[in-house]
Amino acid sequence: MNILSYGSRCHTAQIDRIEDGFRSLGHIVNKMDMSPDIIYANDIGYWDKAIAAHSQFANSKLILTILDLPLHLPEDCARQIEQVKNAKKQFPNAIFCTISEYCRKTINELCGVDCEVIYQPIKDITDLGIPWRERQIEYLIVGRNTDKMKGHYDVTIPCIQQMHGDIEKLHCVGEGFVGAQNYGNVTNEQLNIIYNNSKYIFCPSKFEGLGLQMPESIAAGAIPISYHHHPTAAEFLPKELIFDSVGNIIDFIKTNKTPELSVLSINQFRKEQIAQNIINAAKNSN
């Protein structure tokens, strides 16, 4: 198959990994001198490019992904709802996808559009076999950490401060905090090593379409710590890792337990599987 794909190329975006997945499966990506079988947009911000390409190649399957609806930003959310509704009217045969069951339900309720759930791919995180109790990093956070919606001000920092008096044991990839160990942006290889040297990964986001840090943690043999207000945690984690208070997190960490995490199949988040799911969606559509 020849697949035209559109999406953000920024450091934290997923489209490059999805394209790698297509290539790993033997497909052609973004070859502009031949008619595409699939035109895929991984972000509502890139639908216009995918739709413009579809106007040239009307027989191609058009797949439009909605990462999430920003419910915490009412004006942006209203604008995206209208965009989804209009696209569904204009392209009734397009395939609409989203990235979690939580997002699917939200989009169906607010837009009246039924989406297929196709997860986003995790980075190439693998378990390097470092015994959990020998790991040197006690606490890790990854991503846009200073965004207040990520929950670190309300959960992670108070938790670590109550246990240790400061946040010196907190390690941060991406955005950091004064007093913590801050790495900034790292390569995928460096991230894999950091994950594999970590015991607990805090994932207490208040708003998240998916939350890839959870499966990435498990892929590295680390323990994700989530919070009851995380909208997608219940899709991927056992109840014992979804907490309702900082005190309960502290009590859990003090027990030094390593819970069984086989509830989550990591392969469903690998880039090859995500690419295959996109192809299957195209094949199975009317």
C-alpha atoms as a PDB file:
ATOM      1  CA  MET A   1       0.000   0.000   0.000  1.00  0.00           C
ATOM      2  CA  ASN A   2       0.975   3.639  -0.510  1.00  0.00           C
ATOM      3  CA  ILE A   3       0.012   5.786   2.476  1.00  0.00           C
ATOM      4  CA  LEU A   4       0.030   9.566   2.672  1.00  0.00           C
ATOM      5  CA  SER A   5       0.288  10.629   6.304  1.00  0.00           C
ATOM      6  CA  TYR A   6      -0.021  13.992   7.986  1.00  0.00           C
ATOM      7  CA  GLY A   7       0.715  15.069  11.542  1.00  0.00           C
ATOM      8  CA  SER A   8       2.979  17.078  13.783  1.00  0.00           C
ATOM      9  CA  ARG A   9       6.710  16.396  13.495  1.00  0.00           C
ATOM     10  CA  CYS A  10       7.553  17.894  16.886  1.00  0.00           C
ATOM     11  CA  HIS A  11       9.641  16.018  19.471  1.00  0.00           C
ATOM     12  CA  THR A  12       6.666  14.614  21.363  1.00  0.00           C
ATOM     13  CA  ALA A  13       4.430  13.786  18.359  1.00  0.00           C
ATOM     14  CA  GLN A  14       3.619  10.305  17.060  1.00  0.00           C
ATOM     15  CA  ILE A  15       3.442  10.514  13.260  1.00  0.00           C
ATOM     16  CA  ASP A  16       7.108   9.622  12.679  1.00  0.00           C
ATOM     17  CA  ARG A  17       6.744   6.412  14.706  1.00  0.00           C
ATOM     18  CA  ILE A  18       3.523   5.499  12.905  1.00  0.00           C
ATOM     19  CA  GLU A  19       5.276   5.963   9.546  1.00  0.00           C
ATOM     20  CA  ASP A  20       8.127   3.753  10.784  1.00  0.00           C
ATOM     21  CA  GLY A  21       5.468   1.161  11.603  1.00  0.00           C
ATOM     22  CA  PHE A  22       4.056   1.317   8.064  1.00  0.00           C
ATOM     23  CA  ARG A  23       7.537   0.866   6.602  1.00  0.00           C
ATOM     24  CA  SER A  24       8.297  -2.044   8.941  1.00  0.00           C
ATOM     25  CA  LEU A  25       5.201  -3.768   7.534  1.00  0.00           C
ATOM     26  CA  GLY A  26       6.479  -3.271   3.979  1.00  0.00           C
ATOM     27  CA  HIS A  27       4.254  -0.357   2.931  1.00  0.00           C
ATOM     28  CA  ILE A  28       5.199   2.798   1.023  1.00  0.00           C
ATOM     29  CA  VAL A  29       4.905   6.126   2.839  1.00  0.00           C
ATOM     30  CA  ASN A  30       4.388   9.550   1.272  1.00  0.00           C
ATOM     31  CA  LYS A  31       5.284   8.654  -2.311  1.00  0.00           C
ATOM     32  CA  MET A  32       3.704  11.598  -4.069  1.00  0.00           C
ATOM     33  CA  ASP A  33       3.996  10.372  -7.668  1.00  0.00           C
ATOM     34  CA  MET A  34       1.564   7.463  -7.216  1.00  0.00           C
ATOM     35  CA  SER A  35      -2.042   7.314  -6.085  1.00  0.00           C
ATOM     36  CA  PRO A  36      -2.327   6.600  -2.342  1.00  0.00           C
ATOM     37  CA  ASP A  37      -4.452   3.800  -0.957  1.00  0.00           C
ATOM     38  CA  ILE A  38      -4.847   5.568   2.385  1.00  0.00           C
ATOM     39  CA  ILE A  39      -4.693   9.240   3.353  1.00  0.00           C
ATOM     40  CA  TYR A  40      -4.177   9.450   7.097  1.00  0.00           C
ATOM     41  CA  ALA A  41      -4.203  12.490   9.409  1.00  0.00           C
ATOM     42  CA  ASN A  42      -3.046  11.883  12.965  1.00  0.00           C
ATOM     43  CA  ASP A  43      -4.173  15.222  14.368  1.00  0.00           C
ATOM     44  CA  ILE A  44      -7.167  17.475  13.770  1.00  0.00           C
ATOM     45  CA  GLY A  45      -4.719  20.300  13.050  1.00  0.00           C
ATOM     46  CA  TYR A  46      -3.646  18.425   9.908  1.00  0.00           C
ATOM     47  CA  TRP A  47      -7.050  17.422   8.601  1.00  0.00           C
ATOM     48  CA  ASP A  48      -6.984  20.258   6.077  1.00  0.00           C
ATOM     49  CA  LYS A  49      -3.862  18.803   4.428  1.00  0.00           C
ATOM     50  CA  ALA A  50      -5.361  15.312   4.331  1.00  0.00           C
ATOM     51  CA  ILE A  51      -8.649  16.623   2.930  1.00  0.00           C
ATOM     52  CA  ALA A  52      -6.805  18.618   0.259  1.00  0.00           C
ATOM     53  CA  ALA A  53      -4.944  15.452  -0.773  1.00  0.00           C
ATOM     54  CA  HIS A  54      -8.227  13.520  -0.821  1.00  0.00           C
ATOM     55  CA  SER A  55      -9.674  16.052  -3.253  1.00  0.00           C
ATOM     56  CA  GLN A  56      -6.969  14.917  -5.694  1.00  0.00           C
ATOM     57  CA  PHE A  57      -7.261  11.207  -4.900  1.00  0.00           C
ATOM     58  CA  ALA A  58     -10.966  10.699  -4.212  1.00  0.00           C
ATOM     59  CA  ASN A  59     -10.732   6.888  -4.329  1.00  0.00           C
ATOM     60  CA  SER A  60      -8.310   6.775  -1.416  1.00  0.00           C
ATOM     61  CA  LYS A  61      -9.517   5.853   2.052  1.00  0.00           C
ATOM     62  CA  LEU A  62      -9.583   8.984   4.220  1.00  0.00           C
ATOM     63  CA  ILE A  63      -8.766   8.402   7.892  1.00  0.00           C
ATOM     64  CA  LEU A  64      -9.096  11.331  10.308  1.00  0.00           C
ATOM     65  CA  THR A  65      -7.851  11.017  13.888  1.00  0.00           C
ATOM     66  CA  ILE A  66      -9.076  13.084  16.827  1.00  0.00           C
ATOM     67  CA  LEU A  67      -6.479  12.945  19.585  1.00  0.00           C
ATOM     68  CA  ASP A  68      -8.866  14.373  22.165  1.00  0.00           C
ATOM     69  CA  LEU A  69     -11.364  17.160  22.799  1.00  0.00           C
ATOM     70  CA  PRO A  70      -9.865  19.843  25.081  1.00  0.00           C
ATOM     71  CA  LEU A  71     -12.721  19.981  27.574  1.00  0.00           C
ATOM     72  CA  HIS A  72     -10.671  22.209  29.900  1.00  0.00           C
ATOM     73  CA  LEU A  73     -10.484  24.873  27.142  1.00  0.00           C
ATOM     74  CA  PRO A  74     -14.154  25.602  26.302  1.00  0.00           C
ATOM     75  CA  GLU A  75     -13.586  27.829  23.253  1.00  0.00           C
ATOM     76  CA  ASP A  76     -11.074  25.446  21.666  1.00  0.00           C
ATOM     77  CA  CYS A  77     -13.314  22.514  22.482  1.00  0.00           C
ATOM     78  CA  ALA A  78     -16.370  24.124  20.866  1.00  0.00           C
ATOM     79  CA  ARG A  79     -14.335  24.900  17.752  1.00  0.00           C
ATOM     80  CA  GLN A  80     -13.098  21.311  17.462  1.00  0.00           C
ATOM     81  CA  ILE A  81     -16.587  19.880  18.010  1.00  0.00           C
ATOM     82  CA  GLU A  82     -17.862  21.985  15.130  1.00  0.00           C
ATOM     83  CA  GLN A  83     -14.918  20.900  12.977  1.00  0.00           C
ATOM     84  CA  VAL A  84     -15.638  17.222  13.647  1.00  0.00           C
ATOM     85  CA  LYS A  85     -19.346  17.609  12.895  1.00  0.00           C
ATOM     86  CA  ASN A  86     -18.651  19.461   9.655  1.00  0.00           C
ATOM     87  CA  ALA A  87     -16.099  16.888   8.513  1.00  0.00           C
ATOM     88  CA  LYS A  88     -18.559  14.073   9.146  1.00  0.00           C
ATOM     89  CA  LYS A  89     -21.191  15.834   7.029  1.00  0.00           C
ATOM     90  CA  GLN A  90     -18.753  16.620   4.243  1.00  0.00           C
ATOM     91  CA  PHE A  91     -17.064  13.197   4.228  1.00  0.00           C
ATOM     92  CA  PRO A  92     -19.621  10.630   5.424  1.00  0.00           C
ATOM     93  CA  ASN A  93     -17.437   7.769   4.173  1.00  0.00           C
ATOM     94  CA  ALA A  94     -14.325   8.919   5.996  1.00  0.00           C
ATOM     95  CA  ILE A  95     -13.042   6.784   8.860  1.00  0.00           C
ATOM     96  CA  PHE A  96     -12.895   8.684  12.138  1.00  0.00           C
ATOM     97  CA  CYS A  97     -10.497   7.406  14.781  1.00  0.00           C
ATOM     98  CA  THR A  98      -9.515   8.387  18.277  1.00  0.00           C
ATOM     99  CA  ILE A  99      -6.945   7.183  20.774  1.00  0.00           C
ATOM    100  CA  SER A 100      -8.810   5.782  23.784  1.00  0.00           C
ATOM    101  CA  GLU A 101     -12.191   4.479  24.846  1.00  0.00           C
ATOM    102  CA  TYR A 102     -12.611   7.576  26.999  1.00  0.00           C
ATOM    103  CA  CYS A 103     -12.125   9.804  23.942  1.00  0.00           C
ATOM    104  CA  ARG A 104     -14.455   7.637  21.849  1.00  0.00           C
ATOM    105  CA  LYS A 105     -17.290   8.072  24.349  1.00  0.00           C
ATOM    106  CA  THR A 106     -16.661  11.816  24.702  1.00  0.00           C
ATOM    107  CA  ILE A 107     -16.620  12.406  20.945  1.00  0.00           C
ATOM    108  CA  ASN A 108     -19.753  10.326  20.448  1.00  0.00           C
ATOM    109  CA  GLU A 109     -21.610  12.283  23.137  1.00  0.00           C
ATOM    110  CA  LEU A 110     -20.517  15.769  22.036  1.00  0.00           C
ATOM    111  CA  CYS A 111     -20.168  15.353  18.266  1.00  0.00           C
ATOM    112  CA  GLY A 112     -22.504  12.487  17.436  1.00  0.00           C
ATOM    113  CA  VAL A 113     -19.652  10.760  15.601  1.00  0.00           C
ATOM    114  CA  ASP A 114     -18.707   7.145  16.264  1.00  0.00           C
ATOM    115  CA  CYS A 115     -14.960   6.623  16.171  1.00  0.00           C
ATOM    116  CA  GLU A 116     -12.777   3.575  15.980  1.00  0.00           C
ATOM    117  CA  VAL A 117     -10.249   3.373  18.805  1.00  0.00           C
ATOM    118  CA  ILE A 118      -6.664   3.123  17.574  1.00  0.00           C
ATOM    119  CA  TYR A 119      -4.053   3.793  20.226  1.00  0.00           C
ATOM    120  CA  GLN A 120      -0.967   5.903  19.623  1.00  0.00           C
ATOM    121  CA  PRO A 121       2.431   4.182  19.654  1.00  0.00           C
ATOM    122  CA  ILE A 122       4.795   4.233  22.581  1.00  0.00           C
ATOM    123  CA  LYS A 123       8.461   4.964  21.992  1.00  0.00           C
ATOM    124  CA  ASP A 124      10.784   2.008  21.494  1.00  0.00           C
ATOM    125  CA  ILE A 125      10.889   1.179  25.202  1.00  0.00           C
ATOM    126  CA  THR A 126      12.035  -2.325  26.142  1.00  0.00           C
ATOM    127  CA  ASP A 127      12.817  -3.993  29.444  1.00  0.00           C
ATOM    128  CA  LEU A 128      16.617  -4.096  29.792  1.00  0.00           C
ATOM    129  CA  GLY A 129      16.414  -6.586  32.633  1.00  0.00           C
ATOM    130  CA  ILE A 130      17.563  -4.299  35.453  1.00  0.00           C
ATOM    131  CA  PRO A 131      16.102  -5.702  38.715  1.00  0.00           C
ATOM    132  CA  TRP A 132      13.516  -3.304  40.092  1.00  0.00           C
ATOM    133  CA  ARG A 133      15.072  -3.027  43.548  1.00  0.00           C
ATOM    134  CA  GLU A 134      18.482  -2.190  42.057  1.00  0.00           C
ATOM    135  CA  ARG A 135      17.243   0.810  40.082  1.00  0.00           C
ATOM    136  CA  GLN A 136      18.812   4.168  40.934  1.00  0.00           C
ATOM    137  CA  ILE A 137      15.959   6.571  40.070  1.00  0.00           C
ATOM    138  CA  GLU A 138      13.217   6.556  42.681  1.00  0.00           C
ATOM    139  CA  TYR A 139      10.682   8.820  40.930  1.00  0.00           C
ATOM    140  CA  LEU A 140      10.380   9.880  37.291  1.00  0.00           C
ATOM    141  CA  ILE A 141       8.052  12.155  35.333  1.00  0.00           C
ATOM    142  CA  VAL A 142       8.057  12.546  31.549  1.00  0.00           C
ATOM    143  CA  GLY A 143       6.638  15.201  29.236  1.00  0.00           C
ATOM    144  CA  ARG A 144       5.117  18.673  29.584  1.00  0.00           C
ATOM    145  CA  ASN A 145       5.521  18.401  33.322  1.00  0.00           C
ATOM    146  CA  THR A 146       4.924  22.020  34.319  1.00  0.00           C
ATOM    147  CA  ASP A 147       1.482  22.123  32.684  1.00  0.00           C
ATOM    148  CA  LYS A 148      -0.882  22.322  35.661  1.00  0.00           C
ATOM    149  CA  MET A 149      -3.236  19.837  33.996  1.00  0.00           C
ATOM    150  CA  LYS A 150      -0.526  17.173  34.308  1.00  0.00           C
ATOM    151  CA  GLY A 151      -1.195  16.956  38.042  1.00  0.00           C
ATOM    152  CA  HIS A 152       2.372  17.171  39.303  1.00  0.00           C
ATOM    153  CA  TYR A 153       1.757  20.311  41.371  1.00  0.00           C
ATOM    154  CA  ASP A 154      -1.188  18.631  43.111  1.00  0.00           C
ATOM    155  CA  VAL A 155       0.040  15.045  43.397  1.00  0.00           C
ATOM    156  CA  THR A 156       3.663  14.286  42.522  1.00  0.00           C
ATOM    157  CA  ILE A 157       5.471  17.148  44.242  1.00  0.00           C
ATOM    158  CA  PRO A 158       3.418  17.077  47.492  1.00  0.00           C
ATOM    159  CA  CYS A 159       3.844  13.302  47.644  1.00  0.00           C
ATOM    160  CA  ILE A 160       7.626  13.387  47.325  1.00  0.00           C
ATOM    161  CA  GLN A 161       7.970  16.408  49.621  1.00  0.00           C
ATOM    162  CA  GLN A 162       5.978  14.684  52.351  1.00  0.00           C
ATOM    163  CA  MET A 163       8.173  11.600  52.121  1.00  0.00           C
ATOM    164  CA  HIS A 164      11.591  13.280  51.773  1.00  0.00           C
ATOM    165  CA  GLY A 165      11.268  16.981  52.674  1.00  0.00           C
ATOM    166  CA  ASP A 166      12.289  18.104  49.179  1.00  0.00           C
ATOM    167  CA  ILE A 167      12.067  16.865  45.576  1.00  0.00           C
ATOM    168  CA  GLU A 168      15.735  16.009  45.024  1.00  0.00           C
ATOM    169  CA  LYS A 169      14.796  12.371  44.298  1.00  0.00           C
ATOM    170  CA  LEU A 170      12.424  13.451  41.497  1.00  0.00           C
ATOM    171  CA  HIS A 171      13.881  13.051  37.993  1.00  0.00           C
ATOM    172  CA  CYS A 172      12.289  14.921  35.068  1.00  0.00           C
ATOM    173  CA  VAL A 173      12.446  14.259  31.335  1.00  0.00           C
ATOM    174  CA  GLY A 174      11.097  17.187  29.334  1.00  0.00           C
ATOM    175  CA  GLU A 175      10.065  20.129  31.482  1.00  0.00           C
ATOM    176  CA  GLY A 176      11.616  20.207  34.943  1.00  0.00           C
ATOM    177  CA  PHE A 177      11.270  21.727  38.394  1.00  0.00           C
ATOM    178  CA  VAL A 178      13.695  23.661  40.598  1.00  0.00           C
ATOM    179  CA  GLY A 179      15.173  21.242  43.110  1.00  0.00           C
ATOM    180  CA  ALA A 180      14.648  18.156  40.954  1.00  0.00           C
ATOM    181  CA  GLN A 181      17.040  16.278  38.663  1.00  0.00           C
ATOM    182  CA  ASN A 182      16.228  17.693  35.228  1.00  0.00           C
ATOM    183  CA  TYR A 183      17.318  16.046  31.948  1.00  0.00           C
ATOM    184  CA  GLY A 184      15.426  18.184  29.447  1.00  0.00           C
ATOM    185  CA  ASN A 185      14.648  16.532  26.113  1.00  0.00           C
ATOM    186  CA  VAL A 186      16.461  13.248  25.502  1.00  0.00           C
ATOM    187  CA  THR A 187      16.896  10.778  22.657  1.00  0.00           C
ATOM    188  CA  ASN A 188      14.742   7.651  22.492  1.00  0.00           C
ATOM    189  CA  GLU A 189      17.759   5.571  23.478  1.00  0.00           C
ATOM    190  CA  GLN A 190      18.424   7.762  26.515  1.00  0.00           C
ATOM    191  CA  LEU A 191      14.754   7.666  27.478  1.00  0.00           C
ATOM    192  CA  ASN A 192      14.790   3.866  27.406  1.00  0.00           C
ATOM    193  CA  ILE A 193      17.769   3.801  29.779  1.00  0.00           C
ATOM    194  CA  ILE A 194      16.123   6.330  32.119  1.00  0.00           C
ATOM    195  CA  TYR A 195      12.843   4.392  32.212  1.00  0.00           C
ATOM    196  CA  ASN A 196      14.741   1.163  32.918  1.00  0.00           C
ATOM    197  CA  ASN A 197      16.586   2.750  35.815  1.00  0.00           C
ATOM    198  CA  SER A 198      13.383   4.077  37.401  1.00  0.00           C
ATOM    199  CA  LYS A 199      11.172   2.518  40.046  1.00  0.00           C
ATOM    200  CA  TYR A 200       8.049   4.723  40.012  1.00  0.00           C
ATOM    201  CA  ILE A 201       6.689   6.832  37.138  1.00  0.00           C
ATOM    202  CA  PHE A 202       4.120   9.428  38.226  1.00  0.00           C
ATOM    203  CA  CYS A 203       1.233   9.776  35.741  1.00  0.00           C
ATOM    204  CA  PRO A 204      -1.442  11.838  37.585  1.00  0.00           C
ATOM    205  CA  SER A 205      -2.712  13.917  34.651  1.00  0.00           C
ATOM    206  CA  LYS A 206      -6.112  15.572  35.018  1.00  0.00           C
ATOM    207  CA  PHE A 207      -6.654  15.679  31.252  1.00  0.00           C
ATOM    208  CA  GLU A 208      -5.167  13.171  28.847  1.00  0.00           C
ATOM    209  CA  GLY A 209      -6.410  11.601  25.645  1.00  0.00           C
ATOM    210  CA  LEU A 210      -4.273   8.549  26.284  1.00  0.00           C
ATOM    211  CA  GLY A 211      -1.239   8.912  28.568  1.00  0.00           C
ATOM    212  CA  LEU A 212       1.553   6.916  26.943  1.00  0.00           C
ATOM    213  CA  GLN A 213       3.774   7.164  30.014  1.00  0.00           C
ATOM    214  CA  MET A 214       1.666   4.406  31.577  1.00  0.00           C
ATOM    215  CA  PRO A 215       2.368   1.680  28.981  1.00  0.00           C
ATOM    216  CA  GLU A 216       5.920   2.968  28.500  1.00  0.00           C
ATOM    217  CA  SER A 217       6.529   2.512  32.227  1.00  0.00           C
ATOM    218  CA  ILE A 218       5.278  -1.039  32.149  1.00  0.00           C
ATOM    219  CA  ALA A 219       7.327  -1.835  29.029  1.00  0.00           C
ATOM    220  CA  ALA A 220      10.442  -0.891  31.037  1.00  0.00           C
ATOM    221  CA  GLY A 221       9.429  -2.833  34.140  1.00  0.00           C
ATOM    222  CA  ALA A 222       8.717   0.340  36.149  1.00  0.00           C
ATOM    223  CA  ILE A 223       5.585   1.010  38.218  1.00  0.00           C
ATOM    224  CA  PRO A 224       3.217   3.749  36.995  1.00  0.00           C
ATOM    225  CA  ILE A 225       1.508   5.785  39.702  1.00  0.00           C
ATOM    226  CA  SER A 226      -1.766   7.299  38.515  1.00  0.00           C
ATOM    227  CA  TYR A 227      -4.606   9.233  40.128  1.00  0.00           C
ATOM    228  CA  HIS A 228      -8.375   8.853  40.125  1.00  0.00           C
ATOM    229  CA  HIS A 229      -8.867  12.013  38.044  1.00  0.00           C
ATOM    230  CA  HIS A 230      -6.767  10.616  35.151  1.00  0.00           C
ATOM    231  CA  PRO A 231      -9.463   9.909  32.522  1.00  0.00           C
ATOM    232  CA  THR A 232      -7.803   6.933  30.815  1.00  0.00           C
ATOM    233  CA  ALA A 233      -5.928   5.242  33.675  1.00  0.00           C
ATOM    234  CA  ALA A 234      -8.687   2.678  34.238  1.00  0.00           C
ATOM    235  CA  GLU A 235      -8.317   1.474  30.631  1.00  0.00           C
ATOM    236  CA  PHE A 236      -4.723   0.358  31.157  1.00  0.00           C
ATOM    237  CA  LEU A 237      -3.878  -0.014  34.846  1.00  0.00           C
ATOM    238  CA  PRO A 238      -5.036  -2.263  37.693  1.00  0.00           C
ATOM    239  CA  LYS A 239      -7.055  -0.504  40.392  1.00  0.00           C
ATOM    240  CA  GLU A 240      -4.229  -0.762  42.922  1.00  0.00           C
ATOM    241  CA  LEU A 241      -2.181   1.742  40.867  1.00  0.00           C
ATOM    242  CA  ILE A 242      -4.953   4.363  40.608  1.00  0.00           C
ATOM    243  CA  PHE A 243      -4.979   6.354  43.849  1.00  0.00           C
ATOM    244  CA  ASP A 244      -7.439   8.781  45.398  1.00  0.00           C
ATOM    245  CA  SER A 245      -5.102  10.655  47.760  1.00  0.00           C
ATOM    246  CA  VAL A 246      -1.455  11.567  48.201  1.00  0.00           C
ATOM    247  CA  GLY A 247      -1.525   9.687  51.495  1.00  0.00           C
ATOM    248  CA  ASN A 248      -2.526   6.462  49.774  1.00  0.00           C
ATOM    249  CA  ILE A 249       0.331   6.834  47.291  1.00  0.00           C
ATOM    250  CA  ILE A 250       2.787   7.287  50.164  1.00  0.00           C
ATOM    251  CA  ASP A 251       1.416   4.224  51.940  1.00  0.00           C
ATOM    252  CA  PHE A 252       1.782   2.167  48.744  1.00  0.00           C
ATOM    253  CA  ILE A 253       5.359   3.308  48.102  1.00  0.00           C
ATOM    254  CA  LYS A 254       6.332   2.529  51.703  1.00  0.00           C
ATOM    255  CA  THR A 255       5.179  -1.072  51.236  1.00  0.00           C
ATOM    256  CA  ASN A 256       7.847  -1.413  48.515  1.00  0.00           C
ATOM    257  CA  LYS A 257       5.563  -3.745  46.554  1.00  0.00           C
ATOM    258  CA  THR A 258       6.028  -4.661  42.900  1.00  0.00           C
ATOM    259  CA  PRO A 259       2.502  -5.455  41.646  1.00  0.00           C
ATOM    260  CA  GLU A 260       1.707  -7.785  38.772  1.00  0.00           C
ATOM    261  CA  LEU A 261       1.217  -5.719  35.602  1.00  0.00           C
ATOM    262  CA  SER A 262       0.395  -8.421  33.066  1.00  0.00           C
ATOM    263  CA  VAL A 263      -3.083  -6.842  32.764  1.00  0.00           C
ATOM    264  CA  LEU A 264      -1.617  -4.675  30.011  1.00  0.00           C
ATOM    265  CA  SER A 265      -0.407  -6.099  26.699  1.00  0.00           C
ATOM    266  CA  ILE A 266       2.423  -3.838  25.612  1.00  0.00           C
ATOM    267  CA  ASN A 267       2.382  -5.108  22.030  1.00  0.00           C
ATOM    268  CA  GLN A 268      -0.887  -3.278  21.364  1.00  0.00           C
ATOM    269  CA  PHE A 269       1.064  -0.007  21.740  1.00  0.00           C
ATOM    270  CA  ARG A 270       3.973  -0.910  19.473  1.00  0.00           C
ATOM    271  CA  LYS A 271       4.289   1.153  16.292  1.00  0.00           C
ATOM    272  CA  GLU A 272       3.896  -1.861  13.995  1.00  0.00           C
ATOM    273  CA  GLN A 273       0.600  -2.802  15.642  1.00  0.00           C
ATOM    274  CA  ILE A 274      -0.702   0.771  15.451  1.00  0.00           C
ATOM    275  CA  ALA A 275       0.190   0.897  11.753  1.00  0.00           C
ATOM    276  CA  GLN A 276      -1.564  -2.428  11.187  1.00  0.00           C
ATOM    277  CA  ASN A 277      -4.652  -1.199  13.033  1.00  0.00           C
ATOM    278  CA  ILE A 278      -4.842   1.819  10.734  1.00  0.00           C
ATOM    279  CA  ILE A 279      -4.557  -0.413   7.665  1.00  0.00           C
ATOM    280  CA  ASN A 280      -7.196  -2.778   9.061  1.00  0.00           C
ATOM    281  CA  ALA A 281      -9.559   0.157   9.621  1.00  0.00           C
ATOM    282  CA  ALA A 282      -9.190   1.089   5.950  1.00  0.00           C
ATOM    283  CA  LYS A 283      -9.686  -2.491   4.758  1.00  0.00           C
ATOM    284  CA  ASN A 284     -12.739  -3.077   6.936  1.00  0.00           C
ATOM    285  CA  SER A 285     -14.555   0.125   5.986  1.00  0.00           C
ATOM    286  CA  ASN A 286     -17.438   0.059   3.512  1.00  0.00           C
END
